[in-house]
Structures are given as C-alpha cells and as structure tokens.
Amino acid sequence: MTEKRERELGYAESSIKTWRGTLHLILADAVEEGRIDANPAARRRGRGKRSGRSKNRGPEKAVTTALGVLLVAERAALLSGRDDEFVAIVTKGFTGMRWGELVGLECDYVREASIRVEWQLYELDTGELHRCPPKDDSHRTIDIPQWHAELLTAHLAHKAPPPCSCHGRSYVFSGHRAANGAARAVGAKLVDVARLAGVSTGTVSAVLNRPEAVRPATRRDVEAAIAELGYVRGGAVGALASHWRRNGFATWLFKPAVSGWYPRKAPSPARPVPIVGNPWPGIPVRGRNAAGRADACWLPIAEGLTPHGLRHTHRTLLVELGVPAKLIDERIGHEDGSVQGRYTHVTPLMRERLVEDLTGLWEAALTARREMYPTSPVRALDWLLRST
C-alpha cells in the first residue's frame, strides 16, 4: 500500500512515517546481507528545487512553566488517588526524561543526587513492554537537586515497590489501572466512599468488616455514602498493572489533568471532570450521579500539553536559565556533532549552578502553589507545602 493510499484511508502522518521507517530499516538490513540489490523504500534526497518546509510537519509542542508542571502533577495524583503520578510528572518535568525512560526507571538507579538512565521500557504494538537500552544508547546520569532526591526517596520508602511480574525488577512507578484479565467492576471505589463520608479508607473498611468497632455516627455517615454512591463490595479494582500504558496514562490521567475534561468514550461525549471544590484544587467525583454531586470543575492549565511536551518544557526551562547547550544536550540525551559541541565540555561548576537554578524554580513554584491554598489532598505535595 502506498503512502498516498494510507493518507486517503485516514491514517495519521505519524503512523505512516513510522511504518515507512520500519520498512526502510528492514530492507536496509536485507541490502547489507546481500539478499536484495537496492532498498526500494529509500528516498532520493536533494533532487530538484526545494519548495520550503514540509507541509506534513505537526503543530508546535505546547509547553508550560515550573508551576504548571506542579499543578498538572497534583491533578493527575487526584485522578489516580495516589502519589505515583505526582512524583512521576514532577520527575519528567524537572529532568526531561523520555516516556520509556520514566516508565522503565528502576529503583536501583535512583541515587543520592542523581538519576541514572540505563534502560527504558519500550511498548510494542502487542502491548508487551520490552526492556531495552535508551534511545540512541543515550545512557546518562541526570543531576537532581536535594528536594527532588528526597521526594523520590520518600516515595520509594512509602511504596516499597515489589518486583514486577513481567521483568522481575523493582520499578519506581507502577500502573494505575487493573492488569489485563484482573477483575474490575464499573462504579465507585472504596476511596470514593471515604472521601464522601469524610473518613479514611481504613474506617470504611472497618464499617464493612467490624461495624461494632466504629462509632454509630461515623458508621451512619459511611453507610449513607455507600448507599448514595452505589458502592458494591468486592467490585473494586483487581491487581494493578505493573506499568503504565502510554495511551491510558495520556488519555485518562494526563489530558484530564491538563484540560479539565475527560475525553469522549462512545457512546458518552467528552465531559468536564466533576469535582468537589473543597479542599482546593478539588477532589474528582466518581460513581453514581457524579455530575449531580459535584459543585465545580477544573479550568485548563496548559491547553494542548502532552506527556512528551514536558520534555520540551524542561529543555525550554533550561534555555531560560541560560544553561550551556552542551549540558542541556547531555541531560536530555541528545548528541551534538558540531565543532562547538566537540570542543565544549561540561564542568562541575556548570552542574552545581544547574542544580541551584532548578531548586530556585521549584521553590518559586511551591511558593506560588502555597499562596493559592496552603494544603493539598495529595499526600506528597501536602508534606512539601507544610514542611517549607
């Protein structure tokens, strides 16, 4: 099938480019092994008059600020009901790591003042996650400030990640939805009942298992919340997947956090994320009549921002800080083949200044967030707001 035909069928340009690149790579190997004489998928370059830039270039990537990274991270954690998404999005926004490198970050590579990028998890079309070296073999050490190291260390201490079933290794972050084949019922979860009743999940569990041990008033509140939400015991999420899926993370966590809208899912149209506005920035409402029980919805933070846009954001922030191009490329995992790149070297002083500047950005973002509201429903962020 030709590229023209694929476009007529409505396939995305990115998909067409990927298919042609894969075919070109396969045929190039065949040429090298002497199986065919020429690569029919190769493009002839530099022939004829150039007519300007390609018309197939995508739109410019949206970026945000350090405060935007923090706010998106907080909302994503509220949507998932845990700290993983907060720590992960902050890490991506303040290191510029690729998606596969973030998902494939193993606990052993979180150091006292750095993150070592040794592996990535590459998602195949089959859904399998393949452990392989980072893109272009861009193994590197990413310097991180003390606050970032403490955030990661506290997250690992709280979570104590077990080895995953697919690779037998412990990863810093794990999936937020049920693994394929795990039992999952549609409807409210235990955490939703706890939020509506204004109690902890442990109290809800006690009402379900040892009601005589709970004060009558509290028990009545929990039972009323269970009835209102239509919570069904035993219908909670089964075993969580070991890792995020790129599309699931972007569609159901990242984009709603950025835009304030859940995407369209047939037969339902796109809809605002329903929230209870107190405490700020609001708790997402789930279960029966969620929209009716909500009293607010989120405004957009950075329209059009994607998970990969956080990588663009990090590089843009480094440029704004005046970080030397050589250090930016090293940190991002890019190779500069220019003469300037060959004759410029990264020094310890450059690294120290970068860490100090990133600390300044983070502290300013945290201060701005505290001025909006002094606490957060997200445990990790609440600890940061109260401790500084």
Protein backbone atom coordinates (compact mmCIF):
# COMPACT_ATOMS: atom_id res chain seq x y z
CA MET A 1 0.00 0.00 0.00
CA THR A 2 1.40 3.43 -0.91
CA GLU A 3 1.70 6.39 1.45
CA LYS A 4 -0.87 8.24 -0.67
CA ARG A 5 -3.36 5.41 -0.23
CA GLU A 6 -2.72 5.29 3.53
CA ARG A 7 -3.46 9.02 3.79
CA GLU A 8 -6.68 8.56 1.83
CA LEU A 9 -7.74 5.91 4.35
CA GLY A 10 -7.26 8.45 7.14
CA TYR A 11 -4.16 7.10 8.87
CA ALA A 12 -2.17 9.64 10.93
CA GLU A 13 1.02 11.06 9.44
CA SER A 14 2.98 9.86 12.45
CA SER A 15 1.79 6.27 11.84
CA ILE A 16 2.64 6.44 8.14
CA LYS A 17 6.10 7.79 8.94
CA THR A 18 6.69 5.00 11.48
CA TRP A 19 5.60 2.28 9.03
CA ARG A 20 7.83 3.59 6.26
CA GLY A 21 10.77 3.94 8.63
CA THR A 22 10.34 0.36 9.82
CA LEU A 23 10.10 -0.94 6.26
CA HIS A 24 13.17 1.08 5.27
CA LEU A 25 15.14 -0.40 8.18
CA ILE A 26 14.15 -3.98 7.30
CA LEU A 27 15.04 -3.54 3.63
CA ALA A 28 18.32 -1.80 4.51
CA ASP A 29 19.32 -4.89 6.51
CA ALA A 30 18.38 -7.04 3.51
CA VAL A 31 20.65 -4.93 1.26
CA GLU A 32 23.50 -5.21 3.76
CA GLU A 33 23.13 -9.00 3.85
CA GLY A 34 23.08 -9.23 0.05
CA ARG A 35 19.52 -10.51 -0.22
CA ILE A 36 18.41 -7.61 -2.47
CA ASP A 37 20.39 -5.17 -4.61
CA ALA A 38 18.69 -1.89 -3.59
CA ASN A 39 16.32 -0.54 -0.97
CA PRO A 40 13.02 0.34 -2.69
CA ALA A 41 11.86 2.25 0.40
CA ALA A 42 14.79 4.68 0.32
CA ARG A 43 14.02 8.30 -0.54
CA ARG A 44 16.15 10.17 -3.04
CA ARG A 45 17.24 13.35 -1.30
CA GLY A 46 18.34 16.72 -2.62
CA ARG A 47 16.85 16.35 -6.12
CA GLY A 48 15.00 19.19 -7.79
CA LYS A 49 14.08 22.62 -6.48
CA ARG A 50 13.20 22.85 -2.83
CA SER A 51 9.83 24.41 -2.14
CA GLY A 52 10.24 25.15 1.56
CA ARG A 53 9.49 23.19 4.68
CA SER A 54 7.42 20.03 4.63
CA LYS A 55 3.67 20.51 4.75
CA ASN A 56 3.36 17.44 6.94
CA ARG A 57 5.09 18.97 9.95
CA GLY A 58 3.00 18.72 13.09
CA PRO A 59 1.96 21.65 15.25
CA GLU A 60 4.43 23.17 17.68
CA LYS A 61 4.56 21.35 21.00
CA ALA A 62 2.83 23.08 23.90
CA VAL A 63 4.99 23.78 26.94
CA THR A 64 4.29 25.04 30.45
CA THR A 65 6.07 26.58 33.42
CA ALA A 66 7.52 25.02 36.56
CA LEU A 67 4.29 25.93 38.36
CA GLY A 68 2.30 24.34 35.53
CA VAL A 69 4.24 21.10 35.98
CA LEU A 70 3.42 21.10 39.70
CA LEU A 71 -0.29 21.81 39.17
CA VAL A 72 -0.68 19.13 36.48
CA ALA A 73 1.13 16.65 38.72
CA GLU A 74 -1.23 17.43 41.61
CA ARG A 75 -4.35 16.95 39.50
CA ALA A 76 -3.09 13.69 37.99
CA ALA A 77 -2.49 12.35 41.50
CA LEU A 78 -6.03 13.34 42.50
CA LEU A 79 -7.39 11.50 39.47
CA SER A 80 -5.46 8.33 40.29
CA GLY A 81 -5.86 8.57 44.07
CA ARG A 82 -2.17 8.02 44.82
CA ASP A 83 1.25 9.74 44.78
CA ASP A 84 2.86 7.90 41.84
CA GLU A 85 1.55 10.31 39.24
CA PHE A 86 2.59 13.39 41.23
CA VAL A 87 6.16 12.20 41.69
CA ALA A 88 6.40 10.92 38.10
CA ILE A 89 5.17 14.10 36.40
CA VAL A 90 7.40 16.27 38.58
CA THR A 91 10.31 13.99 37.70
CA LYS A 92 9.57 14.17 33.97
CA GLY A 93 9.13 17.93 34.04
CA PHE A 94 12.33 18.56 36.00
CA THR A 95 14.59 16.01 34.22
CA GLY A 96 13.28 15.86 30.64
CA MET A 97 13.34 12.06 30.68
CA ARG A 98 11.69 10.25 27.78
CA TRP A 99 8.46 8.38 28.49
CA GLY A 100 10.06 4.94 28.16
CA GLU A 101 12.90 6.00 30.46
CA LEU A 102 10.44 7.20 33.10
CA VAL A 103 8.32 4.03 32.96
CA GLY A 104 11.49 1.92 32.97
CA LEU A 105 13.18 3.73 35.87
CA GLU A 106 14.34 1.02 38.24
CA CYS A 107 14.71 1.66 41.97
CA ASP A 108 18.42 0.84 41.90
CA TYR A 109 19.10 3.78 39.58
CA VAL A 110 17.73 6.46 41.91
CA ARG A 111 20.83 7.82 43.60
CA GLU A 112 21.51 10.35 46.35
CA ALA A 113 21.90 13.30 43.95
CA SER A 114 21.16 11.86 40.53
CA ILE A 115 19.11 9.52 38.37
CA ARG A 116 20.97 7.07 36.17
CA VAL A 117 19.31 6.32 32.82
CA GLU A 118 20.35 2.79 31.88
CA TRP A 119 17.17 1.21 30.49
CA GLN A 120 13.79 2.02 29.06
CA LEU A 121 10.57 0.05 28.67
CA TYR A 122 9.51 0.18 25.03
CA GLU A 123 5.84 -0.58 24.40
CA LEU A 124 5.29 -2.90 21.44
CA ASP A 125 2.11 -3.00 19.35
CA THR A 126 1.17 -6.21 21.18
CA GLY A 127 1.12 -4.33 24.48
CA GLU A 128 4.27 -6.06 25.71
CA LEU A 129 6.84 -3.81 27.38
CA HIS A 130 10.34 -4.63 26.18
CA ARG A 131 13.29 -3.74 28.44
CA CYS A 132 16.00 -2.27 26.23
CA PRO A 133 18.70 0.45 26.24
CA PRO A 134 17.53 4.07 25.97
CA LYS A 135 17.02 5.65 22.56
CA ASP A 136 20.27 6.06 20.60
CA ASP A 137 22.10 4.41 23.53
CA SER A 138 21.78 7.69 25.43
CA HIS A 139 22.91 6.26 28.76
CA ARG A 140 23.48 9.18 31.12
CA THR A 141 23.44 10.50 34.65
CA ILE A 142 20.91 13.25 35.37
CA ASP A 143 21.81 15.52 38.29
CA ILE A 144 18.87 16.26 40.59
CA PRO A 145 18.56 18.76 43.48
CA GLN A 146 18.25 17.66 47.09
CA TRP A 147 14.48 18.33 47.20
CA HIS A 148 13.97 16.04 44.19
CA ALA A 149 16.10 13.27 45.65
CA GLU A 150 14.14 13.49 48.92
CA LEU A 151 10.83 13.36 47.04
CA LEU A 152 11.88 10.18 45.21
CA THR A 153 13.37 8.60 48.34
CA ALA A 154 10.22 9.29 50.38
CA HIS A 155 8.08 7.87 47.58
CA LEU A 156 10.12 4.66 47.46
CA ALA A 157 10.09 4.31 51.25
CA HIS A 158 6.31 4.74 51.38
CA LYS A 159 5.59 2.45 48.43
CA ALA A 160 8.32 -0.21 48.79
CA PRO A 161 7.82 -1.41 45.17
CA PRO A 162 7.86 -5.20 44.76
CA PRO A 163 9.45 -6.82 41.66
CA CYS A 164 7.11 -6.71 38.68
CA SER A 165 5.74 -9.95 37.25
CA CYS A 166 6.95 -9.22 33.70
CA HIS A 167 10.63 -8.35 34.28
CA GLY A 168 11.29 -9.40 37.87
CA ARG A 169 12.67 -5.94 38.69
CA SER A 170 11.51 -3.22 41.06
CA TYR A 171 10.41 -0.03 39.32
CA VAL A 172 9.88 3.40 40.86
CA PHE A 173 6.44 3.78 39.26
CA SER A 174 3.64 1.31 38.53
CA GLY A 175 0.38 1.23 36.60
CA HIS A 176 -2.80 2.83 37.95
CA ARG A 177 -5.40 0.52 36.42
CA ALA A 178 -6.24 -3.14 36.69
CA ALA A 179 -3.96 -5.52 34.83
CA ASN A 180 -5.39 -7.25 31.78
CA GLY A 181 -7.64 -10.03 33.00
CA ALA A 182 -7.95 -8.63 36.52
CA ALA A 183 -11.46 -8.34 37.85
CA ARG A 184 -12.88 -4.86 37.61
CA ALA A 185 -16.42 -3.67 38.22
CA VAL A 186 -17.71 -0.35 36.95
CA GLY A 187 -18.63 2.05 39.71
CA ALA A 188 -17.45 3.70 42.88
CA LYS A 189 -14.34 2.59 44.75
CA LEU A 190 -13.55 2.39 48.45
CA VAL A 191 -11.60 5.64 48.29
CA ASP A 192 -14.65 7.42 46.82
CA VAL A 193 -16.79 6.30 49.75
CA ALA A 194 -14.12 7.53 52.18
CA ARG A 195 -13.94 10.94 50.51
CA LEU A 196 -17.72 11.43 50.52
CA ALA A 197 -18.05 10.37 54.16
CA GLY A 198 -15.03 12.44 55.22
CA VAL A 199 -13.19 9.49 56.76
CA SER A 200 -10.19 7.33 55.96
CA THR A 201 -10.33 4.20 53.80
CA GLY A 202 -9.44 2.24 56.94
CA THR A 203 -12.60 3.50 58.63
CA VAL A 204 -14.73 2.44 55.65
CA SER A 205 -13.08 -0.97 55.75
CA ALA A 206 -13.84 -1.21 59.47
CA VAL A 207 -17.52 -0.40 58.86
CA LEU A 208 -17.67 -3.18 56.28
CA ASN A 209 -15.81 -5.75 58.37
CA ARG A 210 -16.20 -4.77 62.05
CA PRO A 211 -19.12 -2.32 62.28
CA GLU A 212 -19.38 -2.74 66.06
CA ALA A 213 -15.91 -1.16 66.42
CA VAL A 214 -16.97 2.11 64.75
CA ARG A 215 -18.86 4.94 66.45
CA PRO A 216 -22.57 4.91 65.46
CA ALA A 217 -22.46 8.44 63.98
CA THR A 218 -19.44 7.63 61.83
CA ARG A 219 -20.96 4.31 60.79
CA ARG A 220 -24.15 6.07 59.68
CA ASP A 221 -22.12 8.56 57.58
CA VAL A 222 -20.24 5.75 55.88
CA GLU A 223 -23.39 3.71 55.25
CA ALA A 224 -25.09 6.78 53.77
CA ALA A 225 -22.11 7.34 51.44
CA ILE A 226 -22.19 3.69 50.37
CA ALA A 227 -25.89 3.96 49.55
CA GLU A 228 -25.51 7.26 47.70
CA LEU A 229 -22.60 6.05 45.54
CA GLY A 230 -23.99 2.58 44.94
CA TYR A 231 -20.73 1.06 46.16
CA VAL A 232 -20.58 -2.71 45.71
CA ARG A 233 -18.24 -4.63 47.96
CA GLY A 234 -15.91 -6.90 46.01
CA GLY A 235 -16.26 -4.77 42.89
CA ALA A 236 -13.04 -2.86 43.43
CA VAL A 237 -10.11 -2.83 41.08
CA GLY A 238 -8.19 -6.07 40.88
CA ALA A 239 -4.41 -6.34 40.80
CA LEU A 240 -2.85 -3.22 39.32
CA ALA A 241 -0.82 -3.45 36.14
CA SER A 242 2.93 -3.41 36.73
CA HIS A 243 3.41 -0.44 34.39
CA TRP A 244 1.52 2.43 32.79
CA ARG A 245 0.37 2.15 29.20
CA ARG A 246 1.28 5.23 27.22
CA ASN A 247 -2.19 5.79 25.79
CA GLY A 248 -4.03 5.05 29.04
CA PHE A 249 -1.82 7.43 31.03
CA ALA A 250 -2.16 10.24 28.49
CA THR A 251 -5.91 9.78 27.93
CA TRP A 252 -7.26 9.19 31.43
CA LEU A 253 -4.76 10.95 33.68
CA PHE A 254 -2.59 13.49 31.92
CA LYS A 255 -5.03 15.13 29.49
CA PRO A 256 -7.88 15.45 32.02
CA ALA A 257 -5.38 16.98 34.49
CA VAL A 258 -4.20 19.47 31.86
CA SER A 259 -7.53 20.36 30.25
CA GLY A 260 -10.07 19.60 32.99
CA TRP A 261 -12.00 17.33 30.59
CA TYR A 262 -12.41 13.58 30.25
CA PRO A 263 -12.16 12.50 26.59
CA ARG A 264 -15.01 11.13 24.54
CA LYS A 265 -15.67 7.43 25.04
CA ALA A 266 -18.51 6.09 22.94
CA PRO A 267 -21.35 6.41 23.50
CA SER A 268 -20.55 9.14 26.03
CA PRO A 269 -19.29 12.53 24.78
CA ALA A 270 -16.33 14.41 26.23
CA ARG A 271 -17.24 15.88 29.62
CA PRO A 272 -15.74 18.09 32.34
CA VAL A 273 -14.06 16.38 35.27
CA PRO A 274 -16.67 16.70 38.08
CA ILE A 275 -15.10 17.74 41.37
CA VAL A 276 -16.00 18.70 44.91
CA GLY A 277 -14.27 22.06 45.25
CA ASN A 278 -13.28 21.80 48.90
CA PRO A 279 -10.44 21.16 49.65
CA TRP A 280 -8.75 23.06 46.83
CA PRO A 281 -7.99 22.23 44.00
CA GLY A 282 -10.94 19.85 44.25
CA ILE A 283 -11.50 16.12 44.56
CA PRO A 284 -12.73 14.26 41.44
CA VAL A 285 -16.18 12.75 41.97
CA ARG A 286 -16.90 9.21 40.75
CA GLY A 287 -19.73 6.75 40.93
CA ARG A 288 -23.46 7.14 40.51
CA ASN A 289 -24.65 10.67 39.63
CA ALA A 290 -21.11 12.05 39.81
CA ALA A 291 -22.01 15.21 37.88
CA GLY A 292 -25.00 15.82 40.13
CA ARG A 293 -22.94 15.54 43.30
CA ALA A 294 -20.13 17.78 42.01
CA ASP A 295 -20.07 21.50 42.68
CA ALA A 296 -17.25 22.60 40.34
CA CYS A 297 -14.90 21.56 37.53
CA TRP A 298 -11.27 22.30 36.66
CA LEU A 299 -10.09 25.07 34.34
CA PRO A 300 -7.35 24.27 31.78
CA ILE A 301 -3.73 24.64 32.90
CA ALA A 302 -1.81 24.41 29.60
CA GLU A 303 -4.03 23.65 26.63
CA GLY A 304 -2.54 21.07 24.28
CA LEU A 305 0.23 19.94 26.64
CA THR A 306 1.16 16.26 26.26
CA PRO A 307 3.43 14.00 28.32
CA HIS A 308 6.15 14.46 25.68
CA GLY A 309 5.55 18.20 25.95
CA LEU A 310 7.09 18.00 29.44
CA ARG A 311 10.37 17.06 27.76
CA HIS A 312 10.08 20.19 25.60
CA THR A 313 9.14 22.14 28.73
CA HIS A 314 12.28 21.01 30.55
CA ARG A 315 14.57 21.96 27.71
CA THR A 316 12.84 25.33 27.37
CA LEU A 317 13.26 26.00 31.09
CA LEU A 318 16.96 25.16 30.84
CA VAL A 319 17.36 27.61 27.96
CA GLU A 320 15.58 30.30 30.00
CA LEU A 321 18.03 29.62 32.86
CA GLY A 322 20.98 30.11 30.49
CA VAL A 323 22.29 26.56 30.90
CA PRO A 324 25.14 25.79 28.44
CA ALA A 325 23.96 23.90 25.35
CA LYS A 326 26.47 21.10 26.00
CA LEU A 327 24.98 20.39 29.42
CA ILE A 328 21.42 20.60 28.06
CA ASP A 329 22.18 18.00 25.37
CA GLU A 330 23.85 15.71 27.90
CA ARG A 331 20.90 15.97 30.27
CA ILE A 332 18.26 15.44 27.57
CA GLY A 333 20.18 12.58 25.94
CA HIS A 334 20.98 14.26 22.62
CA GLU A 335 24.23 14.13 20.67
CA ASP A 336 25.75 17.36 19.31
CA GLY A 337 28.04 16.55 16.40
CA SER A 338 29.04 20.15 15.71
CA VAL A 339 32.52 21.59 16.17
CA GLN A 340 31.24 23.64 19.10
CA GLY A 341 29.86 20.50 20.71
CA ARG A 342 33.13 18.64 20.20
CA TYR A 343 35.26 21.36 21.79
CA THR A 344 32.92 22.26 24.70
CA HIS A 345 32.95 20.29 27.92
CA VAL A 346 30.71 20.08 30.98
CA THR A 347 32.32 21.19 34.26
CA PRO A 348 31.35 20.55 37.90
CA LEU A 349 30.59 24.27 38.27
CA MET A 350 28.04 24.06 35.45
CA ARG A 351 26.33 21.16 37.19
CA GLU A 352 26.25 22.95 40.55
CA ARG A 353 24.69 26.06 39.01
CA LEU A 354 22.07 23.97 37.22
CA VAL A 355 21.06 22.20 40.44
CA GLU A 356 20.82 25.56 42.24
CA ASP A 357 18.72 27.06 39.44
CA LEU A 358 16.33 24.08 39.40
CA THR A 359 15.96 24.41 43.16
CA GLY A 360 15.07 28.07 42.70
CA LEU A 361 12.45 27.21 40.08
CA TRP A 362 10.90 24.56 42.31
CA GLU A 363 10.82 26.77 45.40
CA ALA A 364 9.18 29.58 43.44
CA ALA A 365 6.56 27.15 42.07
CA LEU A 366 5.91 25.73 45.55
CA THR A 367 5.55 29.23 46.99
CA ALA A 368 3.06 30.18 44.26
CA ARG A 369 1.07 27.00 44.91
CA ARG A 370 1.02 27.68 48.67
CA GLU A 371 -0.37 31.16 48.03
CA MET A 372 -3.25 29.56 46.11
CA TYR A 373 -4.06 27.22 49.03
CA PRO A 374 -1.82 26.19 51.97
CA THR A 375 -2.53 22.44 51.87
CA SER A 376 -3.20 19.71 49.32
CA PRO A 377 -5.23 16.47 49.25
CA VAL A 378 -2.16 14.84 47.66
CA ARG A 379 -0.07 13.39 50.47
CA ALA A 380 3.36 14.05 48.91
CA LEU A 381 2.55 17.65 47.97
CA ASP A 382 0.86 18.36 51.30
CA TRP A 383 4.05 17.28 53.08
CA LEU A 384 6.08 19.65 50.87
CA LEU A 385 3.73 22.58 51.47
CA ARG A 386 3.76 22.12 55.22
CA SER A 387 7.48 21.45 55.60
CA THR A 388 8.84 24.56 53.84
